[in-house]
Amino acid sequence: MRVSRLVAVFDVCGLRPKGNRDEELAFRVEVFQREGGECFPVVWTKKLFRVRPTFPMDAEGMPTALHDACLLHEEESLGWDEIVADSVDGVMEKVKARIGELCESMEDD
């Protein structure tokens, strides 16, 4: 049995994919610590969706409201599982470096 403890949560936002000025990216980084002491991240992409619920409806059968929903999607394809360090700071340094390879700051405009 493996037991890990959630030791830190970070939101990383204000980013866009390199070469794409129209899309904004945001990540949630959860850092866990194994019983042996090593730390590792679980990285989520935050996605904003406009949701049109089917209830309640008006007289024409249209939804009476739209709702924005923020959903978290676990990013498994970018090699996050390869990141391991002895501390939360060590994990975040590696995560930020990886994000820096993929994204650029929107503050650079």
Protein backbone atom coordinates (compact mmCIF):
# COMPACT_ATOMS: atom_id res chain seq x y z
CA MET A 1 0.00 0.00 0.00
CA ARG A 2 1.24 3.50 -0.87
CA VAL A 3 0.19 6.45 1.20
CA SER A 4 0.86 10.03 0.16
CA ARG A 5 -0.07 13.25 1.92
CA LEU A 6 -1.17 16.42 0.14
CA VAL A 7 1.28 19.05 1.40
CA ALA A 8 0.71 22.05 -0.89
CA VAL A 9 -1.62 23.40 -3.58
CA PHE A 10 -0.66 26.12 -6.08
CA ASP A 11 -2.61 27.92 -8.80
CA VAL A 12 -0.48 29.01 -11.77
CA CYS A 13 -2.27 31.39 -14.15
CA GLY A 14 -1.67 34.25 -16.58
CA LEU A 15 -0.10 31.97 -19.19
CA ARG A 16 -0.61 31.15 -22.84
CA PRO A 17 0.86 28.46 -25.08
CA LYS A 18 3.94 29.65 -26.92
CA GLY A 19 2.93 30.95 -30.33
CA ASN A 20 -0.78 31.25 -29.44
CA ARG A 21 -1.80 34.73 -28.30
CA ASP A 22 -5.52 33.90 -28.10
CA GLU A 23 -5.65 31.10 -25.55
CA GLU A 24 -5.16 31.55 -21.81
CA LEU A 25 -3.92 28.67 -19.66
CA ALA A 26 -4.16 28.05 -15.95
CA PHE A 27 -2.88 25.13 -13.91
CA ARG A 28 -3.54 23.71 -10.47
CA VAL A 29 -0.50 21.97 -8.98
CA GLU A 30 -0.98 19.64 -6.03
CA VAL A 31 2.22 18.50 -4.33
CA PHE A 32 2.13 15.21 -2.45
CA GLN A 33 4.70 13.68 -0.12
CA ARG A 34 5.26 9.94 0.09
CA GLU A 35 5.95 8.23 3.40
CA GLY A 36 9.66 8.08 2.47
CA GLY A 37 9.79 11.85 2.19
CA GLU A 38 10.03 12.43 -1.57
CA CYS A 39 7.56 14.84 -3.12
CA PHE A 40 5.80 14.70 -6.48
CA PRO A 41 3.18 16.80 -8.31
CA VAL A 42 -0.22 16.11 -9.77
CA VAL A 43 -0.90 18.81 -12.37
CA TRP A 44 -4.35 19.83 -13.53
CA THR A 45 -5.34 22.17 -16.36
CA LYS A 46 -8.14 24.52 -15.36
CA LYS A 47 -10.74 24.74 -18.13
CA LEU A 48 -13.63 27.20 -18.18
CA PHE A 49 -16.81 26.00 -19.84
CA ARG A 50 -20.13 27.70 -20.46
CA VAL A 51 -22.75 25.21 -19.33
CA ARG A 52 -26.36 25.35 -20.48
CA PRO A 53 -28.41 23.39 -17.96
CA THR A 54 -31.66 21.75 -19.01
CA PHE A 55 -33.50 22.94 -15.90
CA PRO A 56 -35.17 25.34 -15.29
CA MET A 57 -36.62 26.29 -18.68
CA ASP A 58 -38.71 29.21 -19.90
CA ALA A 59 -42.02 29.02 -21.81
CA GLU A 60 -40.18 28.37 -25.11
CA GLY A 61 -38.27 25.45 -23.64
CA MET A 62 -34.95 27.29 -23.41
CA PRO A 63 -32.75 27.27 -20.31
CA THR A 64 -33.34 30.36 -18.17
CA ALA A 65 -29.65 30.84 -17.39
CA LEU A 66 -26.15 30.06 -18.52
CA HIS A 67 -23.53 29.02 -16.02
CA ASP A 68 -19.77 29.16 -16.21
CA ALA A 69 -18.07 26.12 -14.75
CA CYS A 70 -14.40 25.66 -14.04
CA LEU A 71 -13.36 22.04 -14.49
CA LEU A 72 -10.02 20.49 -13.62
CA HIS A 73 -8.48 18.10 -16.13
CA GLU A 74 -5.55 16.01 -14.94
CA GLU A 75 -2.60 16.50 -17.29
CA GLU A 76 -1.03 13.08 -17.82
CA SER A 77 0.59 13.52 -21.23
CA LEU A 78 3.33 16.04 -20.42
CA GLY A 79 5.59 13.91 -18.24
CA TRP A 80 4.62 15.36 -14.88
CA ASP A 81 4.98 11.91 -13.32
CA GLU A 82 8.74 12.12 -13.96
CA ILE A 83 9.09 15.04 -11.53
CA VAL A 84 10.29 14.06 -8.05
CA ALA A 85 12.16 16.14 -5.46
CA ASP A 86 13.01 16.17 -1.77
CA SER A 87 10.89 19.25 -1.04
CA VAL A 88 7.83 21.19 -2.17
CA ASP A 89 10.11 23.98 -3.41
CA GLY A 90 12.14 21.49 -5.43
CA VAL A 91 9.00 20.13 -7.07
CA MET A 92 7.71 23.60 -7.89
CA GLU A 93 11.03 24.65 -9.44
CA LYS A 94 10.79 21.69 -11.81
CA VAL A 95 7.10 22.26 -12.52
CA LYS A 96 7.69 25.94 -13.31
CA ALA A 97 10.59 25.03 -15.59
CA ARG A 98 8.38 22.55 -17.48
CA ILE A 99 5.56 25.10 -17.75
CA GLY A 100 8.12 27.63 -19.02
CA GLU A 101 8.99 25.24 -21.86
CA LEU A 102 5.34 25.13 -22.94
CA CYS A 103 3.99 28.58 -22.12
CA GLU A 104 4.81 32.26 -21.93
CA SER A 105 3.60 34.80 -19.41
CA MET A 106 0.77 37.08 -20.47
CA GLU A 107 2.44 39.81 -18.40
CA ASP A 108 5.14 40.09 -21.09
CA ASP A 109 2.72 42.02 -23.35
